[in-house]
Amino acid sequence: MKKLIPFALLAAAFVYFAWRDRQKAAPASRAPETVLLDMVQAMADNDVRTWLDCFGGEMGSQLQDLFARRGKEELQRTLKERCVQMKGFAIVDRQPEGPDRLRVLAETVYNGKNTRQTFVLQQQGGRWKIIRSDSEAVSNWNNNYGKPATE
Protein backbone atom coordinates (compact mmCIF):
# COMPACT_ATOMS: atom_id res chain seq x y z
CA MET A 1 0.00 0.00 0.00
CA LYS A 2 2.80 2.45 0.88
CA LYS A 3 4.36 1.81 -2.51
CA LEU A 4 1.16 2.90 -4.28
CA ILE A 5 0.91 6.30 -2.56
CA PRO A 6 3.70 8.00 -4.61
CA PHE A 7 2.20 6.67 -7.85
CA ALA A 8 -1.29 7.80 -6.82
CA LEU A 9 0.04 11.28 -6.00
CA LEU A 10 1.92 11.45 -9.29
CA ALA A 11 -1.18 10.36 -11.22
CA ALA A 12 -3.33 12.89 -9.36
CA ALA A 13 -0.85 15.65 -10.15
CA PHE A 14 -0.82 14.64 -13.82
CA VAL A 15 -4.64 14.68 -13.98
CA TYR A 16 -4.77 18.06 -12.23
CA PHE A 17 -2.28 19.72 -14.62
CA ALA A 18 -3.95 18.22 -17.67
CA TRP A 19 -7.34 19.49 -16.48
CA ARG A 20 -5.90 22.94 -15.66
CA ASP A 21 -4.35 23.29 -19.12
CA ARG A 22 -7.69 22.49 -20.73
CA GLN A 23 -9.41 25.12 -18.62
CA LYS A 24 -7.13 27.93 -19.76
CA ALA A 25 -8.82 30.52 -21.93
CA ALA A 26 -7.99 30.73 -25.60
CA PRO A 27 -5.05 32.99 -26.32
CA ALA A 28 -5.93 36.64 -26.79
CA SER A 29 -6.34 37.71 -30.39
CA ARG A 30 -3.66 39.88 -31.89
CA ALA A 31 -4.07 43.64 -31.74
CA PRO A 32 -5.12 45.15 -35.07
CA GLU A 33 -1.95 47.29 -35.21
CA THR A 34 0.16 44.14 -35.34
CA VAL A 35 -0.43 44.02 -39.09
CA LEU A 36 1.59 47.24 -39.38
CA LEU A 37 4.47 45.74 -37.45
CA ASP A 38 4.22 42.62 -39.63
CA MET A 39 4.42 44.85 -42.71
CA VAL A 40 7.55 46.63 -41.46
CA GLN A 41 9.16 43.33 -40.44
CA ALA A 42 8.38 41.81 -43.84
CA MET A 43 10.04 44.80 -45.47
CA ALA A 44 13.11 44.32 -43.27
CA ASP A 45 13.16 40.58 -44.09
CA ASN A 46 12.58 41.34 -47.80
CA ASP A 47 9.65 38.89 -47.62
CA VAL A 48 7.35 39.90 -50.47
CA ARG A 49 4.66 37.26 -49.80
CA THR A 50 4.27 38.19 -46.12
CA TRP A 51 4.33 41.89 -47.01
CA LEU A 52 1.58 41.42 -49.62
CA ASP A 53 -0.48 39.42 -47.12
CA CYS A 54 -0.67 42.51 -44.89
CA PHE A 55 -2.92 44.28 -47.42
CA GLY A 56 -6.54 43.85 -48.34
CA GLY A 57 -9.33 45.51 -50.22
CA GLU A 58 -8.56 47.55 -53.34
CA MET A 59 -5.05 48.33 -52.09
CA GLY A 60 -4.31 44.62 -51.71
CA SER A 61 -5.60 43.94 -55.22
CA GLN A 62 -3.47 46.74 -56.68
CA LEU A 63 -0.35 45.44 -54.96
CA GLN A 64 -1.07 41.86 -56.11
CA ASP A 65 -1.40 43.20 -59.68
CA LEU A 66 1.88 45.07 -59.27
CA PHE A 67 3.51 41.84 -58.09
CA ALA A 68 2.17 40.02 -61.15
CA ARG A 69 3.47 42.75 -63.51
CA ARG A 70 6.87 43.44 -61.99
CA GLY A 71 7.75 40.11 -60.41
CA LYS A 72 9.19 39.08 -57.08
CA GLU A 73 12.78 40.26 -57.70
CA GLU A 74 11.80 43.84 -58.56
CA LEU A 75 9.40 44.06 -55.64
CA GLN A 76 12.11 42.72 -53.31
CA ARG A 77 14.52 45.35 -54.60
CA THR A 78 11.98 48.12 -54.06
CA LEU A 79 11.09 46.89 -50.56
CA LYS A 80 14.77 46.80 -49.65
CA GLU A 81 15.30 50.35 -50.96
CA ARG A 82 12.36 51.67 -48.98
CA CYS A 83 13.25 49.76 -45.81
CA VAL A 84 16.94 50.65 -45.70
CA GLN A 85 15.97 54.30 -45.28
CA MET A 86 13.76 53.55 -42.26
CA LYS A 87 15.37 53.77 -38.83
CA GLY A 88 12.26 53.26 -36.73
CA PHE A 89 8.48 52.87 -36.79
CA ALA A 90 5.98 53.71 -34.05
CA ILE A 91 2.22 53.63 -33.65
CA VAL A 92 1.11 57.01 -32.33
CA ASP A 93 -2.69 56.87 -32.15
CA ARG A 94 -5.66 54.76 -33.12
CA GLN A 95 -9.24 55.79 -33.85
CA PRO A 96 -12.00 53.21 -34.31
CA GLU A 97 -14.20 53.73 -37.36
CA GLY A 98 -16.66 50.97 -36.54
CA PRO A 99 -16.47 47.43 -35.20
CA ASP A 100 -14.20 46.15 -37.97
CA ARG A 101 -12.33 49.27 -39.11
CA LEU A 102 -9.57 51.27 -37.47
CA ARG A 103 -7.59 54.38 -38.45
CA VAL A 104 -4.03 54.27 -37.13
CA LEU A 105 -1.58 57.16 -37.03
CA ALA A 106 2.04 56.01 -37.23
CA GLU A 107 5.40 57.71 -37.34
CA THR A 108 8.39 56.57 -39.35
CA VAL A 109 11.87 57.69 -38.37
CA TYR A 110 14.43 58.30 -41.09
CA ASN A 111 17.92 59.77 -40.96
CA GLY A 112 17.28 63.46 -40.38
CA LYS A 113 13.47 63.43 -40.42
CA ASN A 114 10.32 61.88 -39.05
CA THR A 115 7.13 61.48 -41.04
CA ARG A 116 3.59 60.67 -40.00
CA GLN A 117 1.32 58.34 -41.91
CA THR A 118 -2.26 57.24 -41.66
CA PHE A 119 -3.24 53.61 -42.17
CA VAL A 120 -6.81 52.37 -42.39
CA LEU A 121 -7.14 48.80 -41.18
CA GLN A 122 -10.13 46.56 -41.73
CA GLN A 123 -10.93 43.07 -40.55
CA GLN A 124 -11.19 40.70 -43.50
CA GLY A 125 -11.57 36.97 -43.17
CA GLY A 126 -10.88 37.10 -39.43
CA ARG A 127 -7.61 39.01 -39.90
CA TRP A 128 -6.74 42.70 -39.91
CA LYS A 129 -5.52 44.08 -43.24
CA ILE A 130 -4.24 47.46 -44.40
CA ILE A 131 -6.78 48.76 -46.91
CA ARG A 132 -5.61 52.37 -47.32
CA SER A 133 -2.58 54.47 -46.50
CA ASP A 134 -0.79 57.69 -47.33
CA SER A 135 2.54 56.12 -46.26
CA GLU A 136 5.48 56.48 -48.60
CA ALA A 137 6.40 52.92 -47.61
CA VAL A 138 3.32 51.51 -49.35
CA SER A 139 2.21 54.13 -51.86
CA ASN A 140 3.40 55.46 -55.22
CA TRP A 141 4.15 51.98 -56.57
CA ASN A 142 2.78 52.57 -60.03
CA ASN A 143 5.29 55.11 -61.24
CA ASN A 144 7.63 54.20 -64.04
CA TYR A 145 10.56 56.41 -63.09
CA GLY A 146 13.81 55.12 -64.46
CA LYS A 147 12.13 53.05 -67.16
CA PRO A 148 12.90 53.71 -70.82
CA ALA A 149 10.10 55.48 -72.68
CA THR A 150 9.78 52.55 -75.05
CA GLU A 151 8.59 50.13 -72.35
C-alpha atoms as a PDB file:
ATOM      1  CA  MET A   1       0.000   0.000   0.000  1.00  0.00           C
ATOM      2  CA  LYS A   2       2.798   2.447   0.885  1.00  0.00           C
ATOM      3  CA  LYS A   3       4.360   1.806  -2.508  1.00  0.00           C
ATOM      4  CA  LEU A   4       1.165   2.903  -4.281  1.00  0.00           C
ATOM      5  CA  ILE A   5       0.912   6.299  -2.560  1.00  0.00           C
ATOM      6  CA  PRO A   6       3.698   8.003  -4.611  1.00  0.00           C
ATOM      7  CA  PHE A   7       2.201   6.668  -7.849  1.00  0.00           C
ATOM      8  CA  ALA A   8      -1.287   7.801  -6.820  1.00  0.00           C
ATOM      9  CA  LEU A   9       0.043  11.285  -5.999  1.00  0.00           C
ATOM     10  CA  LEU A  10       1.916  11.449  -9.292  1.00  0.00           C
ATOM     11  CA  ALA A  11      -1.177  10.362 -11.224  1.00  0.00           C
ATOM     12  CA  ALA A  12      -3.331  12.895  -9.356  1.00  0.00           C
ATOM     13  CA  ALA A  13      -0.845  15.654 -10.151  1.00  0.00           C
ATOM     14  CA  PHE A  14      -0.825  14.639 -13.818  1.00  0.00           C
ATOM     15  CA  VAL A  15      -4.636  14.676 -13.984  1.00  0.00           C
ATOM     16  CA  TYR A  16      -4.767  18.061 -12.231  1.00  0.00           C
ATOM     17  CA  PHE A  17      -2.282  19.725 -14.615  1.00  0.00           C
ATOM     18  CA  ALA A  18      -3.949  18.222 -17.675  1.00  0.00           C
ATOM     19  CA  TRP A  19      -7.340  19.489 -16.480  1.00  0.00           C
ATOM     20  CA  ARG A  20      -5.903  22.943 -15.660  1.00  0.00           C
ATOM     21  CA  ASP A  21      -4.351  23.295 -19.120  1.00  0.00           C
ATOM     22  CA  ARG A  22      -7.687  22.486 -20.735  1.00  0.00           C
ATOM     23  CA  GLN A  23      -9.414  25.120 -18.615  1.00  0.00           C
ATOM     24  CA  LYS A  24      -7.133  27.934 -19.760  1.00  0.00           C
ATOM     25  CA  ALA A  25      -8.824  30.516 -21.930  1.00  0.00           C
ATOM     26  CA  ALA A  26      -7.992  30.729 -25.600  1.00  0.00           C
ATOM     27  CA  PRO A  27      -5.049  32.993 -26.324  1.00  0.00           C
ATOM     28  CA  ALA A  28      -5.927  36.643 -26.789  1.00  0.00           C
ATOM     29  CA  SER A  29      -6.340  37.709 -30.387  1.00  0.00           C
ATOM     30  CA  ARG A  30      -3.665  39.881 -31.894  1.00  0.00           C
ATOM     31  CA  ALA A  31      -4.072  43.636 -31.736  1.00  0.00           C
ATOM     32  CA  PRO A  32      -5.122  45.154 -35.074  1.00  0.00           C
ATOM     33  CA  GLU A  33      -1.955  47.295 -35.214  1.00  0.00           C
ATOM     34  CA  THR A  34       0.158  44.138 -35.338  1.00  0.00           C
ATOM     35  CA  VAL A  35      -0.433  44.015 -39.093  1.00  0.00           C
ATOM     36  CA  LEU A  36       1.588  47.242 -39.378  1.00  0.00           C
ATOM     37  CA  LEU A  37       4.469  45.738 -37.450  1.00  0.00           C
ATOM     38  CA  ASP A  38       4.220  42.616 -39.628  1.00  0.00           C
ATOM     39  CA  MET A  39       4.419  44.852 -42.707  1.00  0.00           C
ATOM     40  CA  VAL A  40       7.547  46.627 -41.459  1.00  0.00           C
ATOM     41  CA  GLN A  41       9.159  43.331 -40.440  1.00  0.00           C
ATOM     42  CA  ALA A  42       8.376  41.811 -43.842  1.00  0.00           C
ATOM     43  CA  MET A  43      10.040  44.804 -45.475  1.00  0.00           C
ATOM     44  CA  ALA A  44      13.107  44.320 -43.275  1.00  0.00           C
ATOM     45  CA  ASP A  45      13.158  40.584 -44.094  1.00  0.00           C
ATOM     46  CA  ASN A  46      12.576  41.339 -47.795  1.00  0.00           C
ATOM     47  CA  ASP A  47       9.651  38.887 -47.618  1.00  0.00           C
ATOM     48  CA  VAL A  48       7.352  39.902 -50.468  1.00  0.00           C
ATOM     49  CA  ARG A  49       4.661  37.260 -49.797  1.00  0.00           C
ATOM     50  CA  THR A  50       4.267  38.190 -46.120  1.00  0.00           C
ATOM     51  CA  TRP A  51       4.330  41.888 -47.013  1.00  0.00           C
ATOM     52  CA  LEU A  52       1.582  41.418 -49.624  1.00  0.00           C
ATOM     53  CA  ASP A  53      -0.484  39.418 -47.118  1.00  0.00           C
ATOM     54  CA  CYS A  54      -0.672  42.507 -44.889  1.00  0.00           C
ATOM     55  CA  PHE A  55      -2.916  44.280 -47.419  1.00  0.00           C
ATOM     56  CA  GLY A  56      -6.544  43.850 -48.336  1.00  0.00           C
ATOM     57  CA  GLY A  57      -9.328  45.510 -50.223  1.00  0.00           C
ATOM     58  CA  GLU A  58      -8.560  47.547 -53.337  1.00  0.00           C
ATOM     59  CA  MET A  59      -5.053  48.326 -52.092  1.00  0.00           C
ATOM     60  CA  GLY A  60      -4.307  44.621 -51.711  1.00  0.00           C
ATOM     61  CA  SER A  61      -5.596  43.943 -55.222  1.00  0.00           C
ATOM     62  CA  GLN A  62      -3.474  46.738 -56.677  1.00  0.00           C
ATOM     63  CA  LEU A  63      -0.347  45.441 -54.957  1.00  0.00           C
ATOM     64  CA  GLN A  64      -1.070  41.863 -56.110  1.00  0.00           C
ATOM     65  CA  ASP A  65      -1.402  43.200 -59.685  1.00  0.00           C
ATOM     66  CA  LEU A  66       1.876  45.072 -59.272  1.00  0.00           C
ATOM     67  CA  PHE A  67       3.509  41.845 -58.095  1.00  0.00           C
ATOM     68  CA  ALA A  68       2.167  40.020 -61.155  1.00  0.00           C
ATOM     69  CA  ARG A  69       3.470  42.745 -63.514  1.00  0.00           C
ATOM     70  CA  ARG A  70       6.872  43.441 -61.987  1.00  0.00           C
ATOM     71  CA  GLY A  71       7.747  40.107 -60.410  1.00  0.00           C
ATOM     72  CA  LYS A  72       9.195  39.079 -57.084  1.00  0.00           C
ATOM     73  CA  GLU A  73      12.775  40.260 -57.696  1.00  0.00           C
ATOM     74  CA  GLU A  74      11.802  43.837 -58.563  1.00  0.00           C
ATOM     75  CA  LEU A  75       9.404  44.057 -55.635  1.00  0.00           C
ATOM     76  CA  GLN A  76      12.115  42.719 -53.310  1.00  0.00           C
ATOM     77  CA  ARG A  77      14.525  45.352 -54.597  1.00  0.00           C
ATOM     78  CA  THR A  78      11.980  48.124 -54.058  1.00  0.00           C
ATOM     79  CA  LEU A  79      11.093  46.890 -50.556  1.00  0.00           C
ATOM     80  CA  LYS A  80      14.766  46.804 -49.654  1.00  0.00           C
ATOM     81  CA  GLU A  81      15.304  50.353 -50.963  1.00  0.00           C
ATOM     82  CA  ARG A  82      12.364  51.665 -48.976  1.00  0.00           C
ATOM     83  CA  CYS A  83      13.248  49.761 -45.806  1.00  0.00           C
ATOM     84  CA  VAL A  84      16.941  50.649 -45.700  1.00  0.00           C
ATOM     85  CA  GLN A  85      15.975  54.299 -45.278  1.00  0.00           C
ATOM     86  CA  MET A  86      13.755  53.547 -42.262  1.00  0.00           C
ATOM     87  CA  LYS A  87      15.373  53.772 -38.830  1.00  0.00           C
ATOM     88  CA  GLY A  88      12.256  53.256 -36.725  1.00  0.00           C
ATOM     89  CA  PHE A  89       8.480  52.873 -36.788  1.00  0.00           C
ATOM     90  CA  ALA A  90       5.983  53.707 -34.053  1.00  0.00           C
ATOM     91  CA  ILE A  91       2.225  53.627 -33.652  1.00  0.00           C
ATOM     92  CA  VAL A  92       1.112  57.013 -32.333  1.00  0.00           C
ATOM     93  CA  ASP A  93      -2.685  56.872 -32.154  1.00  0.00           C
ATOM     94  CA  ARG A  94      -5.662  54.758 -33.119  1.00  0.00           C
ATOM     95  CA  GLN A  95      -9.237  55.786 -33.848  1.00  0.00           C
ATOM     96  CA  PRO A  96     -12.000  53.210 -34.308  1.00  0.00           C
ATOM     97  CA  GLU A  97     -14.204  53.730 -37.360  1.00  0.00           C
ATOM     98  CA  GLY A  98     -16.657  50.970 -36.542  1.00  0.00           C
ATOM     99  CA  PRO A  99     -16.472  47.427 -35.197  1.00  0.00           C
ATOM    100  CA  ASP A 100     -14.203  46.146 -37.972  1.00  0.00           C
ATOM    101  CA  ARG A 101     -12.327  49.266 -39.107  1.00  0.00           C
ATOM    102  CA  LEU A 102      -9.567  51.274 -37.469  1.00  0.00           C
ATOM    103  CA  ARG A 103      -7.589  54.380 -38.451  1.00  0.00           C
ATOM    104  CA  VAL A 104      -4.028  54.267 -37.130  1.00  0.00           C
ATOM    105  CA  LEU A 105      -1.577  57.155 -37.035  1.00  0.00           C
ATOM    106  CA  ALA A 106       2.039  56.009 -37.229  1.00  0.00           C
ATOM    107  CA  GLU A 107       5.397  57.710 -37.343  1.00  0.00           C
ATOM    108  CA  THR A 108       8.391  56.574 -39.354  1.00  0.00           C
ATOM    109  CA  VAL A 109      11.868  57.686 -38.370  1.00  0.00           C
ATOM    110  CA  TYR A 110      14.434  58.300 -41.094  1.00  0.00           C
ATOM    111  CA  ASN A 111      17.922  59.771 -40.956  1.00  0.00           C
ATOM    112  CA  GLY A 112      17.281  63.462 -40.383  1.00  0.00           C
ATOM    113  CA  LYS A 113      13.468  63.433 -40.424  1.00  0.00           C
ATOM    114  CA  ASN A 114      10.320  61.879 -39.048  1.00  0.00           C
ATOM    115  CA  THR A 115       7.132  61.481 -41.045  1.00  0.00           C
ATOM    116  CA  ARG A 116       3.585  60.666 -40.000  1.00  0.00           C
ATOM    117  CA  GLN A 117       1.319  58.337 -41.906  1.00  0.00           C
ATOM    118  CA  THR A 118      -2.257  57.240 -41.657  1.00  0.00           C
ATOM    119  CA  PHE A 119      -3.245  53.614 -42.174  1.00  0.00           C
ATOM    120  CA  VAL A 120      -6.813  52.373 -42.395  1.00  0.00           C
ATOM    121  CA  LEU A 121      -7.141  48.796 -41.179  1.00  0.00           C
ATOM    122  CA  GLN A 122     -10.127  46.561 -41.728  1.00  0.00           C
ATOM    123  CA  GLN A 123     -10.934  43.074 -40.547  1.00  0.00           C
ATOM    124  CA  GLN A 124     -11.192  40.705 -43.500  1.00  0.00           C
ATOM    125  CA  GLY A 125     -11.574  36.971 -43.169  1.00  0.00           C
ATOM    126  CA  GLY A 126     -10.881  37.100 -39.434  1.00  0.00           C
ATOM    127  CA  ARG A 127      -7.610  39.010 -39.904  1.00  0.00           C
ATOM    128  CA  TRP A 128      -6.742  42.698 -39.906  1.00  0.00           C
ATOM    129  CA  LYS A 129      -5.516  44.082 -43.239  1.00  0.00           C
ATOM    130  CA  ILE A 130      -4.237  47.465 -44.398  1.00  0.00           C
ATOM    131  CA  ILE A 131      -6.781  48.757 -46.906  1.00  0.00           C
ATOM    132  CA  ARG A 132      -5.611  52.369 -47.322  1.00  0.00           C
ATOM    133  CA  SER A 133      -2.576  54.471 -46.497  1.00  0.00           C
ATOM    134  CA  ASP A 134      -0.787  57.691 -47.327  1.00  0.00           C
ATOM    135  CA  SER A 135       2.535  56.122 -46.256  1.00  0.00           C
ATOM    136  CA  GLU A 136       5.478  56.476 -48.600  1.00  0.00           C
ATOM    137  CA  ALA A 137       6.402  52.922 -47.614  1.00  0.00           C
ATOM    138  CA  VAL A 138       3.321  51.509 -49.348  1.00  0.00           C
ATOM    139  CA  SER A 139       2.207  54.133 -51.863  1.00  0.00           C
ATOM    140  CA  ASN A 140       3.398  55.456 -55.225  1.00  0.00           C
ATOM    141  CA  TRP A 141       4.146  51.983 -56.568  1.00  0.00           C
ATOM    142  CA  ASN A 142       2.777  52.567 -60.026  1.00  0.00           C
ATOM    143  CA  ASN A 143       5.294  55.113 -61.237  1.00  0.00           C
ATOM    144  CA  ASN A 144       7.632  54.199 -64.044  1.00  0.00           C
ATOM    145  CA  TYR A 145      10.557  56.411 -63.087  1.00  0.00           C
ATOM    146  CA  GLY A 146      13.805  55.123 -64.460  1.00  0.00           C
ATOM    147  CA  LYS A 147      12.129  53.050 -67.163  1.00  0.00           C
ATOM    148  CA  PRO A 148      12.899  53.706 -70.824  1.00  0.00           C
ATOM    149  CA  ALA A 149      10.102  55.482 -72.677  1.00  0.00           C
ATOM    150  CA  THR A 150       9.780  52.548 -75.055  1.00  0.00           C
ATOM    151  CA  GLU A 151       8.590  50.133 -72.353  1.00  0.00           C
END
